[in-house]
Amino acid sequence: MKIIDINPDWGISSDSVCVTIYKKSTKKKTGEKYYKSKWYYNNFVQALQGLTDRSIIVSGSFESMVAEVEELKTDIAALFKKVKGGVVA
């Protein structure tokens, strides 16, 4: 299964059953990077909306919430360009 980077902190993949959002993590002992599944959704739109909603909840102040939403919108637009342009295989 191919995990597509959304931004430096999150990835997304899909299979015949669901769309999965992954949190990027690093192993403390080895420094090796890996993905940890966090949430499951029925389709890409729900997955990206869910990630946005969860990011807003933890953002704190109104200003940081607006900045987080703007950053996610940019990341999602770049993701769709990659997928539409055939960069992701």
C-alpha atoms as a PDB file:
ATOM      1  CA  MET A   1       0.000   0.000   0.000  1.00  0.00           C
ATOM      2  CA  LYS A   2       1.357   3.398  -1.008  1.00  0.00           C
ATOM      3  CA  ILE A   3       1.132   6.164   1.594  1.00  0.00           C
ATOM      4  CA  ILE A   4       1.009   9.649   0.073  1.00  0.00           C
ATOM      5  CA  ASP A   5       2.422  12.530   2.090  1.00  0.00           C
ATOM      6  CA  ILE A   6      -0.120  15.260   2.820  1.00  0.00           C
ATOM      7  CA  ASN A   7       2.420  17.410   4.675  1.00  0.00           C
ATOM      8  CA  PRO A   8       5.459  16.771   6.914  1.00  0.00           C
ATOM      9  CA  ASP A   9       3.254  15.363   9.701  1.00  0.00           C
ATOM     10  CA  TRP A  10       0.542  13.365   7.936  1.00  0.00           C
ATOM     11  CA  GLY A  11       0.045  10.776   5.185  1.00  0.00           C
ATOM     12  CA  ILE A  12      -2.964   9.177   3.490  1.00  0.00           C
ATOM     13  CA  SER A  13      -3.666   5.892   1.720  1.00  0.00           C
ATOM     14  CA  SER A  14      -6.640   3.901   0.516  1.00  0.00           C
ATOM     15  CA  ASP A  15      -7.594   0.338  -0.214  1.00  0.00           C
ATOM     16  CA  SER A  16     -10.805  -1.375  -1.270  1.00  0.00           C
ATOM     17  CA  VAL A  17     -12.282  -0.954   2.224  1.00  0.00           C
ATOM     18  CA  CYS A  18     -11.355   2.533   3.493  1.00  0.00           C
ATOM     19  CA  VAL A  19      -9.144   5.613   3.421  1.00  0.00           C
ATOM     20  CA  THR A  20      -6.580   5.827   6.231  1.00  0.00           C
ATOM     21  CA  ILE A  21      -4.905   8.895   7.731  1.00  0.00           C
ATOM     22  CA  TYR A  22      -1.411   8.238   9.116  1.00  0.00           C
ATOM     23  CA  LYS A  23       0.682  10.228  11.593  1.00  0.00           C
ATOM     24  CA  LYS A  24       4.399  10.289  10.839  1.00  0.00           C
ATOM     25  CA  SER A  25       6.526   9.254  13.805  1.00  0.00           C
ATOM     26  CA  THR A  26      10.175   8.580  14.589  1.00  0.00           C
ATOM     27  CA  LYS A  27      11.571   5.655  16.570  1.00  0.00           C
ATOM     28  CA  LYS A  28      13.418   7.029  19.595  1.00  0.00           C
ATOM     29  CA  LYS A  29      16.256   4.484  19.589  1.00  0.00           C
ATOM     30  CA  THR A  30      17.046   4.356  15.875  1.00  0.00           C
ATOM     31  CA  GLY A  31      15.673   7.635  14.526  1.00  0.00           C
ATOM     32  CA  GLU A  32      13.882   5.630  11.829  1.00  0.00           C
ATOM     33  CA  LYS A  33      10.739   7.293  10.444  1.00  0.00           C
ATOM     34  CA  TYR A  34       7.497   5.342  10.115  1.00  0.00           C
ATOM     35  CA  TYR A  35       3.734   5.858   9.742  1.00  0.00           C
ATOM     36  CA  LYS A  36       1.185   5.046  12.430  1.00  0.00           C
ATOM     37  CA  SER A  37      -2.456   4.669  11.377  1.00  0.00           C
ATOM     38  CA  LYS A  38      -4.717   7.105  13.223  1.00  0.00           C
ATOM     39  CA  TRP A  39      -8.175   7.332  11.623  1.00  0.00           C
ATOM     40  CA  TYR A  40     -10.242   5.464   9.035  1.00  0.00           C
ATOM     41  CA  TYR A  41     -12.837   6.985   6.692  1.00  0.00           C
ATOM     42  CA  ASN A  42     -15.169   5.905   3.881  1.00  0.00           C
ATOM     43  CA  ASN A  43     -13.677   8.237   1.236  1.00  0.00           C
ATOM     44  CA  PHE A  44     -10.987  10.865   0.605  1.00  0.00           C
ATOM     45  CA  VAL A  45     -13.260  13.854   1.179  1.00  0.00           C
ATOM     46  CA  GLN A  46     -14.289  12.589   4.627  1.00  0.00           C
ATOM     47  CA  ALA A  47     -10.672  11.779   5.478  1.00  0.00           C
ATOM     48  CA  LEU A  48      -9.384  15.231   4.576  1.00  0.00           C
ATOM     49  CA  GLN A  49     -12.316  16.916   6.331  1.00  0.00           C
ATOM     50  CA  GLY A  50     -11.643  14.810   9.417  1.00  0.00           C
ATOM     51  CA  LEU A  51      -7.963  15.743   9.425  1.00  0.00           C
ATOM     52  CA  THR A  52      -8.872  19.414   9.084  1.00  0.00           C
ATOM     53  CA  ASP A  53     -11.455  19.220  11.880  1.00  0.00           C
ATOM     54  CA  ARG A  54      -9.030  17.464  14.238  1.00  0.00           C
ATOM     55  CA  SER A  55      -6.291  19.987  13.452  1.00  0.00           C
ATOM     56  CA  ILE A  56      -8.630  22.865  14.289  1.00  0.00           C
ATOM     57  CA  ILE A  57      -9.567  21.330  17.643  1.00  0.00           C
ATOM     58  CA  VAL A  58      -5.946  21.085  18.815  1.00  0.00           C
ATOM     59  CA  SER A  59      -4.784  24.391  17.331  1.00  0.00           C
ATOM     60  CA  GLY A  60      -5.663  26.484  20.411  1.00  0.00           C
ATOM     61  CA  SER A  61      -6.188  30.153  19.587  1.00  0.00           C
ATOM     62  CA  PHE A  62      -8.298  31.528  16.763  1.00  0.00           C
ATOM     63  CA  GLU A  63      -5.208  32.818  14.937  1.00  0.00           C
ATOM     64  CA  SER A  64      -3.472  29.464  15.065  1.00  0.00           C
ATOM     65  CA  MET A  65      -6.702  27.771  13.947  1.00  0.00           C
ATOM     66  CA  VAL A  66      -6.907  30.013  10.852  1.00  0.00           C
ATOM     67  CA  ALA A  67      -3.225  29.419  10.081  1.00  0.00           C
ATOM     68  CA  GLU A  68      -3.678  25.651  10.445  1.00  0.00           C
ATOM     69  CA  VAL A  69      -6.681  25.587   8.104  1.00  0.00           C
ATOM     70  CA  GLU A  70      -4.843  27.682   5.490  1.00  0.00           C
ATOM     71  CA  GLU A  71      -1.797  25.418   5.675  1.00  0.00           C
ATOM     72  CA  LEU A  72      -3.923  22.271   5.332  1.00  0.00           C
ATOM     73  CA  LYS A  73      -5.796  23.759   2.359  1.00  0.00           C
ATOM     74  CA  THR A  74      -2.457  24.399   0.636  1.00  0.00           C
ATOM     75  CA  ASP A  75      -1.209  20.888   1.451  1.00  0.00           C
ATOM     76  CA  ILE A  76      -4.435  19.277   0.198  1.00  0.00           C
ATOM     77  CA  ALA A  77      -4.332  21.291  -3.045  1.00  0.00           C
ATOM     78  CA  ALA A  78      -0.740  20.169  -3.615  1.00  0.00           C
ATOM     79  CA  LEU A  79      -1.745  16.569  -2.894  1.00  0.00           C
ATOM     80  CA  PHE A  80      -4.514  16.668  -5.504  1.00  0.00           C
ATOM     81  CA  LYS A  81      -2.131  18.176  -8.060  1.00  0.00           C
ATOM     82  CA  LYS A  82       0.306  15.320  -7.436  1.00  0.00           C
ATOM     83  CA  VAL A  83      -2.365  12.653  -7.749  1.00  0.00           C
ATOM     84  CA  LYS A  84      -4.074  14.263 -10.750  1.00  0.00           C
ATOM     85  CA  GLY A  85      -0.751  14.838 -12.505  1.00  0.00           C
ATOM     86  CA  GLY A  86       0.162  11.181 -12.145  1.00  0.00           C
ATOM     87  CA  VAL A  87       3.170  11.842  -9.894  1.00  0.00           C
ATOM     88  CA  VAL A  88       1.977   9.284  -7.365  1.00  0.00           C
ATOM     89  CA  ALA A  89       2.087   5.725  -8.643  1.00  0.00           C
END
